[in-house]
Amino acid sequence: MATNPIPETGLLRLAQIVGNPKADPPIPPIIPVGKTSFLNGVKAGRYPAPIKLGPRTTAWRASDIRRIAEQGPDAASYGPADMRPLVEGRARQRAASRREVA
């Protein structure tokens, strides 16, 4: 199977990370897990949080995916310490949106 090169910098979409055998030409996976397993891992903190580029566009930092690919998916852990800035940022966003509505 061909390998999927990871760029040095930039962003990757989900199909580039978990692969898409139905694409023409097929996209080999960087991380050999299914789409749902990867997204559940993101939600659980096992994989890095995505970056929202738009309402229907999500991407991940190539450097984060490269780290997982080098360590292996079982070694990856983005636990509470890594997620604290993300969670705090989301809490601030929710509070601001509540103030706008009120």
PDB file of N, CA and C in Angstrom:
ATOM      1  N   MET A   1       0.846  -1.187   0.000  1.00  0.00           N
ATOM      2  CA  MET A   1       0.000   0.000   0.000  1.00  0.00           C
ATOM      3  C   MET A   1       0.884   1.240   0.000  1.00  0.00           C
ATOM      4  N   ALA A   2       0.456   2.243  -0.719  1.00  0.00           N
ATOM      5  CA  ALA A   2       1.208   3.497  -0.773  1.00  0.00           C
ATOM      6  C   ALA A   2       1.057   4.246   0.544  1.00  0.00           C
ATOM      7  N   THR A   3       2.042   5.047   0.844  1.00  0.00           N
ATOM      8  CA  THR A   3       1.962   5.848   2.067  1.00  0.00           C
ATOM      9  C   THR A   3       1.422   7.229   1.733  1.00  0.00           C
ATOM     10  N   ASN A   4       0.824   7.840   2.724  1.00  0.00           N
ATOM     11  CA  ASN A   4       0.266   9.175   2.572  1.00  0.00           C
ATOM     12  C   ASN A   4       1.246  10.147   3.229  1.00  0.00           C
ATOM     13  N   PRO A   5       1.976  10.954   2.437  1.00  0.00           N
ATOM     14  CA  PRO A   5       2.962  11.854   3.037  1.00  0.00           C
ATOM     15  C   PRO A   5       2.287  12.947   3.874  1.00  0.00           C
ATOM     16  N   ILE A   6       2.886  13.245   5.011  1.00  0.00           N
ATOM     17  CA  ILE A   6       2.362  14.285   5.897  1.00  0.00           C
ATOM     18  C   ILE A   6       3.160  15.552   5.625  1.00  0.00           C
ATOM     19  N   PRO A   7       2.494  16.654   5.311  1.00  0.00           N
ATOM     20  CA  PRO A   7       3.229  17.897   5.074  1.00  0.00           C
ATOM     21  C   PRO A   7       3.925  18.378   6.344  1.00  0.00           C
ATOM     22  N   GLU A   8       4.991  19.138   6.178  1.00  0.00           N
ATOM     23  CA  GLU A   8       5.727  19.672   7.329  1.00  0.00           C
ATOM     24  C   GLU A   8       4.858  20.613   8.158  1.00  0.00           C
ATOM     25  N   THR A   9       4.125  21.481   7.487  1.00  0.00           N
ATOM     26  CA  THR A   9       3.234  22.421   8.157  1.00  0.00           C
ATOM     27  C   THR A   9       1.897  22.409   7.440  1.00  0.00           C
ATOM     28  N   GLY A  10       0.923  23.012   8.053  1.00  0.00           N
ATOM     29  CA  GLY A  10      -0.367  23.117   7.394  1.00  0.00           C
ATOM     30  C   GLY A  10      -1.439  22.329   8.113  1.00  0.00           C
ATOM     31  N   LEU A  11      -2.520  22.082   7.397  1.00  0.00           N
ATOM     32  CA  LEU A  11      -3.677  21.418   7.965  1.00  0.00           C
ATOM     33  C   LEU A  11      -4.041  20.192   7.140  1.00  0.00           C
ATOM     34  N   LEU A  12      -4.676  19.222   7.790  1.00  0.00           N
ATOM     35  CA  LEU A  12      -5.132  18.007   7.121  1.00  0.00           C
ATOM     36  C   LEU A  12      -6.614  17.822   7.371  1.00  0.00           C
ATOM     37  N   ARG A  13      -7.335  17.382   6.367  1.00  0.00           N
ATOM     38  CA  ARG A  13      -8.751  17.064   6.506  1.00  0.00           C
ATOM     39  C   ARG A  13      -8.897  15.615   6.944  1.00  0.00           C
ATOM     40  N   LEU A  14     -10.094  15.241   7.392  1.00  0.00           N
ATOM     41  CA  LEU A  14     -10.334  13.911   7.942  1.00  0.00           C
ATOM     42  C   LEU A  14     -10.008  12.802   6.943  1.00  0.00           C
ATOM     43  N   ALA A  15     -10.404  12.962   5.687  1.00  0.00           N
ATOM     44  CA  ALA A  15     -10.134  11.928   4.681  1.00  0.00           C
ATOM     45  C   ALA A  15      -8.637  11.709   4.473  1.00  0.00           C
ATOM     46  N   GLN A  16      -7.832  12.743   4.656  1.00  0.00           N
ATOM     47  CA  GLN A  16      -6.379  12.588   4.534  1.00  0.00           C
ATOM     48  C   GLN A  16      -5.812  11.834   5.728  1.00  0.00           C
ATOM     49  N   ILE A  17      -6.443  11.955   6.890  1.00  0.00           N
ATOM     50  CA  ILE A  17      -5.931  11.324   8.106  1.00  0.00           C
ATOM     51  C   ILE A  17      -6.311   9.851   8.160  1.00  0.00           C
ATOM     52  N   VAL A  18      -7.586   9.542   7.960  1.00  0.00           N
ATOM     53  CA  VAL A  18      -8.046   8.150   8.086  1.00  0.00           C
ATOM     54  C   VAL A  18      -8.133   7.437   6.750  1.00  0.00           C
ATOM     55  N   GLY A  19      -7.893   8.167   5.660  1.00  0.00           N
ATOM     56  CA  GLY A  19      -7.892   7.567   4.329  1.00  0.00           C
ATOM     57  C   GLY A  19      -9.286   7.460   3.741  1.00  0.00           C
ATOM     58  N   ASN A  20      -9.319   7.206   2.435  1.00  0.00           N
ATOM     59  CA  ASN A  20     -10.580   7.014   1.726  1.00  0.00           C
ATOM     60  C   ASN A  20     -10.322   6.090   0.544  1.00  0.00           C
ATOM     61  N   PRO A  21     -10.619   4.783   0.710  1.00  0.00           N
ATOM     62  CA  PRO A  21     -10.349   3.834  -0.377  1.00  0.00           C
ATOM     63  C   PRO A  21     -11.248   4.024  -1.591  1.00  0.00           C
ATOM     64  N   LYS A  22     -12.373   4.728  -1.431  1.00  0.00           N
ATOM     65  CA  LYS A  22     -13.311   4.923  -2.541  1.00  0.00           C
ATOM     66  C   LYS A  22     -12.958   6.126  -3.407  1.00  0.00           C
ATOM     67  N   ALA A  23     -12.025   6.958  -2.958  1.00  0.00           N
ATOM     68  CA  ALA A  23     -11.622   8.130  -3.739  1.00  0.00           C
ATOM     69  C   ALA A  23     -10.888   7.672  -4.995  1.00  0.00           C
ATOM     70  N   ASP A  24     -10.829   8.535  -5.985  1.00  0.00           N
ATOM     71  CA  ASP A  24     -10.109   8.216  -7.205  1.00  0.00           C
ATOM     72  C   ASP A  24      -9.016   9.248  -7.417  1.00  0.00           C
ATOM     73  N   PRO A  25      -7.769   8.958  -7.169  1.00  0.00           N
ATOM     74  CA  PRO A  25      -7.207   7.699  -6.695  1.00  0.00           C
ATOM     75  C   PRO A  25      -7.434   7.515  -5.190  1.00  0.00           C
ATOM     76  N   PRO A  26      -7.380   6.268  -4.713  1.00  0.00           N
ATOM     77  CA  PRO A  26      -7.596   6.010  -3.278  1.00  0.00           C
ATOM     78  C   PRO A  26      -6.596   6.763  -2.397  1.00  0.00           C
ATOM     79  N   ILE A  27      -7.082   7.227  -1.248  1.00  0.00           N
ATOM     80  CA  ILE A  27      -6.229   7.954  -0.296  1.00  0.00           C
ATOM     81  C   ILE A  27      -5.849   6.986   0.823  1.00  0.00           C
ATOM     82  N   PRO A  28      -4.562   6.660   0.967  1.00  0.00           N
ATOM     83  CA  PRO A  28      -4.162   5.751   2.049  1.00  0.00           C
ATOM     84  C   PRO A  28      -4.225   6.459   3.408  1.00  0.00           C
ATOM     85  N   PRO A  29      -4.513   5.721   4.470  1.00  0.00           N
ATOM     86  CA  PRO A  29      -4.609   6.360   5.793  1.00  0.00           C
ATOM     87  C   PRO A  29      -3.241   6.698   6.383  1.00  0.00           C
ATOM     88  N   ILE A  30      -3.201   7.789   7.137  1.00  0.00           N
ATOM     89  CA  ILE A  30      -2.015   8.116   7.929  1.00  0.00           C
ATOM     90  C   ILE A  30      -2.132   7.397   9.262  1.00  0.00           C
ATOM     91  N   ILE A  31      -3.332   7.429   9.832  1.00  0.00           N
ATOM     92  CA  ILE A  31      -3.628   6.740  11.085  1.00  0.00           C
ATOM     93  C   ILE A  31      -4.629   5.639  10.744  1.00  0.00           C
ATOM     94  N   PRO A  32      -4.287   4.378  10.947  1.00  0.00           N
ATOM     95  CA  PRO A  32      -5.158   3.278  10.511  1.00  0.00           C
ATOM     96  C   PRO A  32      -6.322   3.010  11.463  1.00  0.00           C
ATOM     97  N   VAL A  33      -7.227   3.965  11.570  1.00  0.00           N
ATOM     98  CA  VAL A  33      -8.458   3.787  12.338  1.00  0.00           C
ATOM     99  C   VAL A  33      -9.610   4.273  11.464  1.00  0.00           C
ATOM    100  N   GLY A  34     -10.809   3.863  11.797  1.00  0.00           N
ATOM    101  CA  GLY A  34     -11.975   4.302  11.053  1.00  0.00           C
ATOM    102  C   GLY A  34     -12.338   5.743  11.393  1.00  0.00           C
ATOM    103  N   LYS A  35     -13.196   6.308  10.553  1.00  0.00           N
ATOM    104  CA  LYS A  35     -13.624   7.696  10.722  1.00  0.00           C
ATOM    105  C   LYS A  35     -14.310   7.904  12.070  1.00  0.00           C
ATOM    106  N   THR A  36     -15.258   7.025  12.414  1.00  0.00           N
ATOM    107  CA  THR A  36     -15.988   7.165  13.671  1.00  0.00           C
ATOM    108  C   THR A  36     -15.063   6.970  14.868  1.00  0.00           C
ATOM    109  N   SER A  37     -14.156   5.999  14.781  1.00  0.00           N
ATOM    110  CA  SER A  37     -13.206   5.771  15.879  1.00  0.00           C
ATOM    111  C   SER A  37     -12.320   6.986  16.095  1.00  0.00           C
ATOM    112  N   PHE A  38     -11.886   7.607  15.002  1.00  0.00           N
ATOM    113  CA  PHE A  38     -11.048   8.800  15.127  1.00  0.00           C
ATOM    114  C   PHE A  38     -11.830   9.938  15.782  1.00  0.00           C
ATOM    115  N   LEU A  39     -13.054  10.180  15.314  1.00  0.00           N
ATOM    116  CA  LEU A  39     -13.859  11.270  15.872  1.00  0.00           C
ATOM    117  C   LEU A  39     -14.226  11.014  17.328  1.00  0.00           C
ATOM    118  N   ASN A  40     -14.494   9.751  17.688  1.00  0.00           N
ATOM    119  CA  ASN A  40     -14.740   9.420  19.092  1.00  0.00           C
ATOM    120  C   ASN A  40     -13.482   9.645  19.924  1.00  0.00           C
ATOM    121  N   GLY A  41     -12.315   9.338  19.342  1.00  0.00           N
ATOM    122  CA  GLY A  41     -11.045   9.578  20.026  1.00  0.00           C
ATOM    123  C   GLY A  41     -10.784  11.058  20.245  1.00  0.00           C
ATOM    124  N   VAL A  42     -11.206  11.889  19.293  1.00  0.00           N
ATOM    125  CA  VAL A  42     -11.077  13.342  19.448  1.00  0.00           C
ATOM    126  C   VAL A  42     -11.953  13.796  20.609  1.00  0.00           C
ATOM    127  N   LYS A  43     -13.179  13.294  20.641  1.00  0.00           N
ATOM    128  CA  LYS A  43     -14.120  13.678  21.700  1.00  0.00           C
ATOM    129  C   LYS A  43     -13.622  13.233  23.078  1.00  0.00           C
ATOM    130  N   ALA A  44     -12.984  12.068  23.135  1.00  0.00           N
ATOM    131  CA  ALA A  44     -12.473  11.537  24.401  1.00  0.00           C
ATOM    132  C   ALA A  44     -11.135  12.147  24.805  1.00  0.00           C
ATOM    133  N   GLY A  45     -10.497  12.894  23.906  1.00  0.00           N
ATOM    134  CA  GLY A  45      -9.207  13.497  24.215  1.00  0.00           C
ATOM    135  C   GLY A  45      -8.025  12.628  23.829  1.00  0.00           C
ATOM    136  N   ARG A  46      -8.280  11.528  23.149  1.00  0.00           N
ATOM    137  CA  ARG A  46      -7.193  10.642  22.728  1.00  0.00           C
ATOM    138  C   ARG A  46      -6.438  11.217  21.526  1.00  0.00           C
ATOM    139  N   TYR A  47      -7.148  11.924  20.673  1.00  0.00           N
ATOM    140  CA  TYR A  47      -6.555  12.563  19.509  1.00  0.00           C
ATOM    141  C   TYR A  47      -6.732  14.082  19.631  1.00  0.00           C
ATOM    142  N   PRO A  48      -5.950  14.865  18.906  1.00  0.00           N
ATOM    143  CA  PRO A  48      -6.013  16.333  19.053  1.00  0.00           C
ATOM    144  C   PRO A  48      -7.342  16.913  18.579  1.00  0.00           C
ATOM    145  N   ALA A  49      -7.683  18.042  19.156  1.00  0.00           N
ATOM    146  CA  ALA A  49      -8.906  18.744  18.778  1.00  0.00           C
ATOM    147  C   ALA A  49      -8.735  19.354  17.390  1.00  0.00           C
ATOM    148  N   PRO A  50      -9.814  19.423  16.633  1.00  0.00           N
ATOM    149  CA  PRO A  50      -9.731  20.013  15.292  1.00  0.00           C
ATOM    150  C   PRO A  50      -9.792  21.531  15.331  1.00  0.00           C
ATOM    151  N   ILE A  51      -9.555  22.105  14.180  1.00  0.00           N
ATOM    152  CA  ILE A  51      -9.689  23.547  13.982  1.00  0.00           C
ATOM    153  C   ILE A  51     -10.871  23.731  13.036  1.00  0.00           C
ATOM    154  N   LYS A  52     -11.846  24.522  13.440  1.00  0.00           N
ATOM    155  CA  LYS A  52     -12.994  24.795  12.580  1.00  0.00           C
ATOM    156  C   LYS A  52     -12.614  25.926  11.626  1.00  0.00           C
ATOM    157  N   LEU A  53     -12.661  25.648  10.337  1.00  0.00           N
ATOM    158  CA  LEU A  53     -12.353  26.646   9.319  1.00  0.00           C
ATOM    159  C   LEU A  53     -13.616  27.316   8.798  1.00  0.00           C
ATOM    160  N   GLY A  54     -14.734  26.681   9.022  1.00  0.00           N
ATOM    161  CA  GLY A  54     -16.023  27.201   8.579  1.00  0.00           C
ATOM    162  C   GLY A  54     -17.112  26.338   9.164  1.00  0.00           C
ATOM    163  N   PRO A  55     -18.368  26.606   8.843  1.00  0.00           N
ATOM    164  CA  PRO A  55     -19.457  25.839   9.439  1.00  0.00           C
ATOM    165  C   PRO A  55     -19.424  24.349   9.089  1.00  0.00           C
ATOM    166  N   ARG A  56     -18.884  24.005   7.925  1.00  0.00           N
ATOM    167  CA  ARG A  56     -18.827  22.599   7.520  1.00  0.00           C
ATOM    168  C   ARG A  56     -17.413  22.164   7.143  1.00  0.00           C
ATOM    169  N   THR A  57     -16.420  22.890   7.609  1.00  0.00           N
ATOM    170  CA  THR A  57     -15.032  22.581   7.267  1.00  0.00           C
ATOM    171  C   THR A  57     -14.204  22.472   8.540  1.00  0.00           C
ATOM    172  N   THR A  58     -13.618  21.282   8.735  1.00  0.00           N
ATOM    173  CA  THR A  58     -12.812  21.003   9.918  1.00  0.00           C
ATOM    174  C   THR A  58     -11.474  20.437   9.465  1.00  0.00           C
ATOM    175  N   ALA A  59     -10.410  20.800  10.158  1.00  0.00           N
ATOM    176  CA  ALA A  59      -9.078  20.298   9.822  1.00  0.00           C
ATOM    177  C   ALA A  59      -8.265  20.119  11.097  1.00  0.00           C
ATOM    178  N   TRP A  60      -7.174  19.384  10.982  1.00  0.00           N
ATOM    179  CA  TRP A  60      -6.265  19.155  12.104  1.00  0.00           C
ATOM    180  C   TRP A  60      -4.879  19.633  11.706  1.00  0.00           C
ATOM    181  N   ARG A  61      -4.095  20.082  12.686  1.00  0.00           N
ATOM    182  CA  ARG A  61      -2.722  20.523  12.425  1.00  0.00           C
ATOM    183  C   ARG A  61      -1.881  19.325  11.973  1.00  0.00           C
ATOM    184  N   ALA A  62      -1.131  19.526  10.914  1.00  0.00           N
ATOM    185  CA  ALA A  62      -0.271  18.456  10.393  1.00  0.00           C
ATOM    186  C   ALA A  62       0.748  18.033  11.445  1.00  0.00           C
ATOM    187  N   SER A  63       1.242  18.961  12.250  1.00  0.00           N
ATOM    188  CA  SER A  63       2.237  18.619  13.276  1.00  0.00           C
ATOM    189  C   SER A  63       1.644  17.674  14.327  1.00  0.00           C
ATOM    190  N   ASP A  64       0.373  17.869  14.708  1.00  0.00           N
ATOM    191  CA  ASP A  64      -0.275  16.971  15.673  1.00  0.00           C
ATOM    192  C   ASP A  64      -0.451  15.579  15.091  1.00  0.00           C
ATOM    193  N   ILE A  65      -0.870  15.507  13.830  1.00  0.00           N
ATOM    194  CA  ILE A  65      -1.079  14.208  13.181  1.00  0.00           C
ATOM    195  C   ILE A  65       0.260  13.507  12.964  1.00  0.00           C
ATOM    196  N   ARG A  66       1.294  14.276  12.638  1.00  0.00           N
ATOM    197  CA  ARG A  66       2.628  13.691  12.471  1.00  0.00           C
ATOM    198  C   ARG A  66       3.102  13.042  13.778  1.00  0.00           C
ATOM    199  N   ARG A  67       2.856  13.721  14.905  1.00  0.00           N
ATOM    200  CA  ARG A  67       3.248  13.173  16.208  1.00  0.00           C
ATOM    201  C   ARG A  67       2.540  11.842  16.482  1.00  0.00           C
ATOM    202  N   ILE A  68       1.256  11.761  16.167  1.00  0.00           N
ATOM    203  CA  ILE A  68       0.511  10.514  16.369  1.00  0.00           C
ATOM    204  C   ILE A  68       1.052   9.428  15.453  1.00  0.00           C
ATOM    205  N   ALA A  69       1.326   9.759  14.199  1.00  0.00           N
ATOM    206  CA  ALA A  69       1.833   8.780  13.248  1.00  0.00           C
ATOM    207  C   ALA A  69       3.196   8.234  13.679  1.00  0.00           C
ATOM    208  N   GLU A  70       4.040   9.087  14.245  1.00  0.00           N
ATOM    209  CA  GLU A  70       5.364   8.653  14.692  1.00  0.00           C
ATOM    210  C   GLU A  70       5.285   7.805  15.960  1.00  0.00           C
ATOM    211  N   GLN A  71       4.393   8.166  16.885  1.00  0.00           N
ATOM    212  CA  GLN A  71       4.269   7.444  18.156  1.00  0.00           C
ATOM    213  C   GLN A  71       3.361   6.236  18.042  1.00  0.00           C
ATOM    214  N   GLY A  72       2.445   6.244  17.088  1.00  0.00           N
ATOM    215  CA  GLY A  72       1.437   5.208  16.975  1.00  0.00           C
ATOM    216  C   GLY A  72       0.158   5.672  17.645  1.00  0.00           C
ATOM    217  N   PRO A  73      -0.993   5.245  17.126  1.00  0.00           N
ATOM    218  CA  PRO A  73      -2.258   5.727  17.658  1.00  0.00           C
ATOM    219  C   PRO A  73      -2.502   5.338  19.113  1.00  0.00           C
ATOM    220  N   ASP A  74      -1.926   4.229  19.578  1.00  0.00           N
ATOM    221  CA  ASP A  74      -2.129   3.819  20.963  1.00  0.00           C
ATOM    222  C   ASP A  74      -1.346   4.684  21.942  1.00  0.00           C
ATOM    223  N   ALA A  75      -0.253   5.298  21.497  1.00  0.00           N
ATOM    224  CA  ALA A  75       0.584   6.112  22.379  1.00  0.00           C
ATOM    225  C   ALA A  75       0.079   7.544  22.485  1.00  0.00           C
ATOM    226  N   ALA A  76      -0.805   7.933  21.579  1.00  0.00           N
ATOM    227  CA  ALA A  76      -1.291   9.322  21.563  1.00  0.00           C
ATOM    228  C   ALA A  76      -2.206   9.569  22.748  1.00  0.00           C
ATOM    229  N   SER A  77      -2.014  10.705  23.381  1.00  0.00           N
ATOM    230  CA  SER A  77      -2.898  11.096  24.475  1.00  0.00           C
ATOM    231  C   SER A  77      -2.915  12.602  24.570  1.00  0.00           C
ATOM    232  N   TYR A  78      -4.082  13.139  24.411  1.00  0.00           N
ATOM    233  CA  TYR A  78      -4.276  14.571  24.563  1.00  0.00           C
ATOM    234  C   TYR A  78      -5.207  14.741  25.747  1.00  0.00           C
ATOM    235  N   GLY A  79      -4.669  14.526  26.923  1.00  0.00           N
ATOM    236  CA  GLY A  79      -5.460  14.514  28.147  1.00  0.00           C
ATOM    237  C   GLY A  79      -5.847  15.891  28.628  1.00  0.00           C
ATOM    238  N   PRO A  80      -6.319  15.975  29.863  1.00  0.00           N
ATOM    239  CA  PRO A  80      -6.838  17.226  30.408  1.00  0.00           C
ATOM    240  C   PRO A  80      -5.858  18.391  30.339  1.00  0.00           C
ATOM    241  N   ALA A  81      -4.579  18.151  30.564  1.00  0.00           N
ATOM    242  CA  ALA A  81      -3.613  19.260  30.535  1.00  0.00           C
ATOM    243  C   ALA A  81      -3.524  19.861  29.133  1.00  0.00           C
ATOM    244  N   ASP A  82      -3.549  19.009  28.099  1.00  0.00           N
ATOM    245  CA  ASP A  82      -3.476  19.486  26.731  1.00  0.00           C
ATOM    246  C   ASP A  82      -4.773  20.148  26.292  1.00  0.00           C
ATOM    247  N   MET A  83      -5.891  19.740  26.869  1.00  0.00           N
ATOM    248  CA  MET A  83      -7.192  20.238  26.434  1.00  0.00           C
ATOM    249  C   MET A  83      -7.662  21.442  27.234  1.00  0.00           C
ATOM    250  N   ARG A  84      -6.982  21.772  28.326  1.00  0.00           N
ATOM    251  CA  ARG A  84      -7.436  22.868  29.186  1.00  0.00           C
ATOM    252  C   ARG A  84      -7.614  24.182  28.421  1.00  0.00           C
ATOM    253  N   PRO A  85      -6.649  24.632  27.599  1.00  0.00           N
ATOM    254  CA  PRO A  85      -6.860  25.885  26.864  1.00  0.00           C
ATOM    255  C   PRO A  85      -8.057  25.799  25.918  1.00  0.00           C
ATOM    256  N   LEU A  86      -8.251  24.649  25.295  1.00  0.00           N
ATOM    257  CA  LEU A  86      -9.372  24.464  24.389  1.00  0.00           C
ATOM    258  C   LEU A  86     -10.694  24.556  25.142  1.00  0.00           C
ATOM    259  N   VAL A  87     -10.805  23.863  26.257  1.00  0.00           N
ATOM    260  CA  VAL A  87     -12.038  23.856  27.042  1.00  0.00           C
ATOM    261  C   VAL A  87     -12.325  25.246  27.591  1.00  0.00           C
ATOM    262  N   GLU A  88     -11.302  25.916  28.108  1.00  0.00           N
ATOM    263  CA  GLU A  88     -11.501  27.266  28.644  1.00  0.00           C
ATOM    264  C   GLU A  88     -11.928  28.228  27.542  1.00  0.00           C
ATOM    265  N   GLY A  89     -11.350  28.088  26.358  1.00  0.00           N
ATOM    266  CA  GLY A  89     -11.720  28.935  25.239  1.00  0.00           C
ATOM    267  C   GLY A  89     -13.164  28.722  24.822  1.00  0.00           C
ATOM    268  N   ARG A  90     -13.596  27.470  24.803  1.00  0.00           N
ATOM    269  CA  ARG A  90     -14.988  27.177  24.447  1.00  0.00           C
ATOM    270  C   ARG A  90     -15.937  27.714  25.494  1.00  0.00           C
ATOM    271  N   ALA A  91     -15.563  27.628  26.772  1.00  0.00           N
ATOM    272  CA  ALA A  91     -16.410  28.150  27.838  1.00  0.00           C
ATOM    273  C   ALA A  91     -16.575  29.665  27.684  1.00  0.00           C
ATOM    274  N   ARG A  92     -15.497  30.367  27.335  1.00  0.00           N
ATOM    275  CA  ARG A  92     -15.586  31.811  27.115  1.00  0.00           C
ATOM    276  C   ARG A  92     -16.486  32.134  25.925  1.00  0.00           C
ATOM    277  N   GLN A  93     -16.383  31.322  24.863  1.00  0.00           N
ATOM    278  CA  GLN A  93     -17.227  31.541  23.686  1.00  0.00           C
ATOM    279  C   GLN A  93     -18.704  31.352  24.033  1.00  0.00           C
ATOM    280  N   ARG A  94     -19.007  30.298  24.799  1.00  0.00           N
ATOM    281  CA  ARG A  94     -20.404  30.058  25.188  1.00  0.00           C
ATOM    282  C   ARG A  94     -20.932  31.197  26.042  1.00  0.00           C
ATOM    283  N   ALA A  95     -20.127  31.669  26.981  1.00  0.00           N
ATOM    284  CA  ALA A  95     -20.566  32.763  27.847  1.00  0.00           C
ATOM    285  C   ALA A  95     -20.815  34.030  27.020  1.00  0.00           C
ATOM    286  N   ALA A  96     -19.944  34.298  26.066  1.00  0.00           N
ATOM    287  CA  ALA A  96     -20.119  35.483  25.217  1.00  0.00           C
ATOM    288  C   ALA A  96     -21.372  35.371  24.364  1.00  0.00           C
ATOM    289  N   SER A  97     -21.645  34.179  23.835  1.00  0.00           N
ATOM    290  CA  SER A  97     -22.840  34.024  23.001  1.00  0.00           C
ATOM    291  C   SER A  97     -24.104  34.146  23.840  1.00  0.00           C
ATOM    292  N   ARG A  98     -24.077  33.722  25.105  1.00  0.00           N
ATOM    293  CA  ARG A  98     -25.240  33.879  25.985  1.00  0.00           C
ATOM    294  C   ARG A  98     -25.501  35.359  26.265  1.00  0.00           C
ATOM    295  N   ARG A  99     -24.424  36.130  26.417  1.00  0.00           N
ATOM    296  CA  ARG A  99     -24.597  37.566  26.655  1.00  0.00           C
ATOM    297  C   ARG A  99     -25.199  38.256  25.450  1.00  0.00           C
ATOM    298  N   GLU A 100     -24.820  37.801  24.229  1.00  0.00           N
ATOM    299  CA  GLU A 100     -25.363  38.398  23.009  1.00  0.00           C
ATOM    300  C   GLU A 100     -26.845  38.103  22.864  1.00  0.00           C
ATOM    301  N   VAL A 101     -27.261  36.897  23.254  1.00  0.00           N
ATOM    302  CA  VAL A 101     -28.657  36.488  23.130  1.00  0.00           C
ATOM    303  C   VAL A 101     -29.515  37.237  24.132  1.00  0.00           C
ATOM    304  N   ALA A 102     -28.988  37.424  25.341  1.00  0.00           N
ATOM    305  CA  ALA A 102     -29.774  38.050  26.414  1.00  0.00           C
ATOM    306  C   ALA A 102     -29.997  39.517  26.227  1.00  0.00           C
TER     307      ALA A 102
END
